[in-house]
Amino acid sequence: IQNAVDDLYSYFRFLKYDPYSVYNSFCSMVKFPISKNPSNGYRKLQAVLKAIMLRRTKGTHLDGQPIITLPPKYVKLKKVEFSEEERDFYSRLEADSRAQFQAYADSGTVKQNYVNILLLLLRLRQACDHPLLVRGYDSDSVFKSSIHVAKELPREQQSCLLNCLEASLAICHLCSDPPEDSVVAICGHVFCNQCISEHLTGDDNQCPATSCKAQLSVCKIFSKATLKSCLDQSFQNHSDMCSASESSDQSELVEPQLTGRFDSSKIKAALEVLQSLAKPQVSSPNNVFMEPSVTDADLMDNSNSTSFSGASNRLVSTCPVVKEKAIVFSQWTRMLDLLETCLKESSVEYRRLDGTMSVAARDKAVKDFNTLPEVSVMIMSLKAASLGLNMVAACHVILLDLWWNPTTEDQAIDRAHRIGQTRPVTVVRLTVKDTVEDRILALQQKKRELVASAFGEDETGSRQTRLTVDDLKYLFRG
């Protein structure tokens, strides 16, 4: 449940749980009573759910004892201040986005422009992480095994797939966001590169789009570069094309040239937390993070990246071996690319895990992180934080950005706070003051309260869903 109690109706109908499986009865017996008297209405819904729902959470008790005993988890919200340049960039972007949303609202076309509005929100959220994320460079990653398949497709189909990819209303059928590194399947459905790569590593290769039964594989997923090259008949040499595209990607995406101007405040804040883990830790939960041995001015000076990197390297070289490990999550692989560069410059040993990696590569990254003492950081895509992944070697979690559904973040945190963890887990959520992230936090809390009201408890266990029109209005207008 994320938007309304209506989300439950499909389950009642699937279970044929009369009388609630009939929508009119569901409305008269559940929905309308909640709208008239929420307290009594939710108590009735809790009684209905209790009869048909099997659900266990970390807070569930059996014979008066918790079914699982875990170390405590401490969540800290750390507000980051934009640099002057970042604030100016964000303010202009926000003003333009508000004006565009108001234009849709005035013309009564908010619903028709749902995807365009999501794109406006995406840019605002990315601007909170790093200005480079908003600049819109496209990696045009090439699926090498799909090139031959693309060449064999009729020209009309190549053109049709490219049109699907370039459509302004394209949206990822897995995460329901405007796609990052967009790719298109042979059936015409558009996905984030990472989302579909993650999906194809499982046993189910059927297209995840609703009502689509197409069987997919890596060779049936096409990037914009592949399709454009086919249409331009520029495949003179397969290997030349791959190497040229890859070298372009390497210079533009994997190793961006960061300067003080583009070292974002969030990345600096994350590095400050990571560097502090090299200091002896205090057992008090109210003072989990020790102050670094360099000054705050060294770490937070936005005008001089050289002094910042130098201070970071001095800290690493003089501190003892890190004994407490951390996982850093972000929704965007490009943000991981930028963070990766800073970790290299700071001589921090790390591993990376995202949805584009093979199963073998993921397993090796997890094994190295769990077993090698010198590997102190795992940078990880939020979308790759799948259930069952065990990362209890870490007792610190850093969330670089916010997701609409708070349970997605909870699942990521549970990679460290799970059975096998013997130490308290500290979670740092990095947000920027006076931005859209403040409203996302409030929206998350509202959704948590909705679930808690329906289930009669504080724990959540819902799936991500679309933002409602009311949610969009709140995020833009407050």
Foldseek 3Di string as FASTA:
>chain_A
DFDAPVVCQVVCLVVVPPPSVDPVCVCVQAVVVCVVPVQVNLVVLQVVCVVPDDDDDQQDDDPNHGPDDFFAEAEAEDAFAWDPLLVVVLVVLLVVLLVVCVVCVVVVNCVVCVQVNLVSVVLQQVSQLWNVVNVDDALLAFLLLQLVVLLPDPLVLLVLLLCLQPPSNAAAQQQRHRAHNWKAFSVNHIHHLLRLLLVQLDPQQAPPHPPGGDGGDSNRIGGNLSSVCSNVVVPPDSVVSNVVSVVVSCDPFQADDDFLQTPTRLLLVVLQQLLQLLDDADQDPVPGGDGQPDDPCQSRVSHGVPSVLVVLQVSVVPGDQRQAAEEEEDQDVSSVSVSVNSCVSSVQAEAEDTRNDHPVNNVVRLVCQQPPSRHRYYYYYLSRLDPPQANLSHQEYEYSGDDLAVVSVVSSQVSRGDPPRDGHHYYYYYGYPPGLRVLSVVSNVVSQVNQCSNNVHNDDDDDDDDDDPVSSCSSSPD
